[in-house]
Amino acid sequence: MELNLRPALQAKLAVLAAEQGCGAEALIEKAVERLVSYDTWFLAEVEKGLAEAERGELIDHEDVLKMIEQRYPDHQSCK
């Protein structure tokens, strides 16, 4: 596979690769692996959520607000 990057991006990649002590190709491979893994996970979670919604397994708006307030106590909700 061949990848053509803009010169400015190539320069940034070279700096980052040098800072991490690896080659640019290895860094690109790691980045693509993370992207593919994340997208695979995200799409599976969306499908899971859609299936739950189709079964009527929804969370009430007030319960969502409570979960947000518990997780982020300093959060300013629109009450």
Protein backbone atom coordinates (compact mmCIF):
# COMPACT_ATOMS: atom_id res chain seq x y z
CA MET A 1 0.00 0.00 0.00
CA GLU A 2 1.24 3.45 -0.81
CA LEU A 3 0.37 6.58 1.16
CA ASN A 4 0.95 10.11 -0.11
CA LEU A 5 1.07 12.80 2.56
CA ARG A 6 1.41 16.55 2.25
CA PRO A 7 4.99 17.69 2.90
CA ALA A 8 3.95 19.58 6.05
CA LEU A 9 2.33 16.45 7.48
CA GLN A 10 5.34 14.35 6.50
CA ALA A 11 7.56 16.75 8.43
CA LYS A 12 5.36 16.56 11.54
CA LEU A 13 5.30 12.78 11.27
CA ALA A 14 9.07 12.62 11.02
CA VAL A 15 9.47 14.76 14.15
CA LEU A 16 6.95 12.67 16.09
CA ALA A 17 8.52 9.41 14.97
CA ALA A 18 11.96 10.64 16.01
CA GLU A 19 10.61 11.72 19.41
CA GLN A 20 9.11 8.26 19.91
CA GLY A 21 12.21 6.49 18.65
CA CYS A 22 10.54 4.67 15.78
CA GLY A 23 10.21 5.00 12.02
CA ALA A 24 7.45 6.95 10.34
CA GLU A 25 6.01 3.78 8.79
CA ALA A 26 5.73 2.09 12.20
CA LEU A 27 4.03 5.17 13.62
CA ILE A 28 1.55 5.25 10.74
CA GLU A 29 0.80 1.56 11.20
CA LYS A 30 0.12 2.09 14.91
CA ALA A 31 -2.15 5.05 14.14
CA VAL A 32 -4.13 3.12 11.53
CA GLU A 33 -4.48 0.16 13.91
CA ARG A 34 -5.88 2.48 16.62
CA LEU A 35 -8.30 4.05 14.13
CA VAL A 36 -9.56 0.69 12.87
CA SER A 37 -9.88 -0.71 16.41
CA TYR A 38 -11.77 2.35 17.62
CA ASP A 39 -14.12 2.45 14.63
CA THR A 40 -14.86 -1.26 15.01
CA TRP A 41 -15.64 -0.80 18.71
CA PHE A 42 -17.71 2.35 18.09
CA LEU A 43 -19.84 0.79 15.36
CA ALA A 44 -20.48 -2.28 17.54
CA GLU A 45 -21.59 -0.02 20.41
CA VAL A 46 -23.92 1.91 18.10
CA GLU A 47 -25.47 -1.36 16.89
CA LYS A 48 -25.84 -2.51 20.48
CA GLY A 49 -27.56 0.76 21.41
CA LEU A 50 -29.89 0.60 18.44
CA ALA A 51 -30.88 -2.96 19.32
CA GLU A 52 -31.59 -1.89 22.91
CA ALA A 53 -33.70 1.02 21.66
CA GLU A 54 -35.67 -1.28 19.36
CA ARG A 55 -36.40 -3.52 22.38
CA GLY A 56 -37.61 -0.44 24.28
CA GLU A 57 -34.66 -0.45 26.68
CA LEU A 58 -34.35 3.31 26.94
CA ILE A 59 -33.14 5.50 29.80
CA ASP A 60 -35.45 8.24 31.06
CA HIS A 61 -34.23 11.82 30.57
CA GLU A 62 -34.23 12.48 34.32
CA ASP A 63 -32.12 9.37 34.93
CA VAL A 64 -29.61 10.55 32.33
CA LEU A 65 -29.36 13.92 34.09
CA LYS A 66 -28.76 12.14 37.42
CA MET A 67 -25.98 10.04 35.86
CA ILE A 68 -24.34 13.17 34.42
CA GLU A 69 -24.57 14.98 37.76
CA GLN A 70 -23.05 11.99 39.58
CA ARG A 71 -20.20 11.65 37.11
CA TYR A 72 -19.59 15.40 36.71
CA PRO A 73 -20.65 17.12 39.95
CA ASP A 74 -19.50 20.55 38.71
CA HIS A 75 -21.55 20.20 35.50
CA GLN A 76 -24.06 22.99 34.89
CA SER A 77 -27.19 21.28 33.54
CA CYS A 78 -30.02 23.07 31.79
CA LYS A 79 -32.76 22.54 34.35
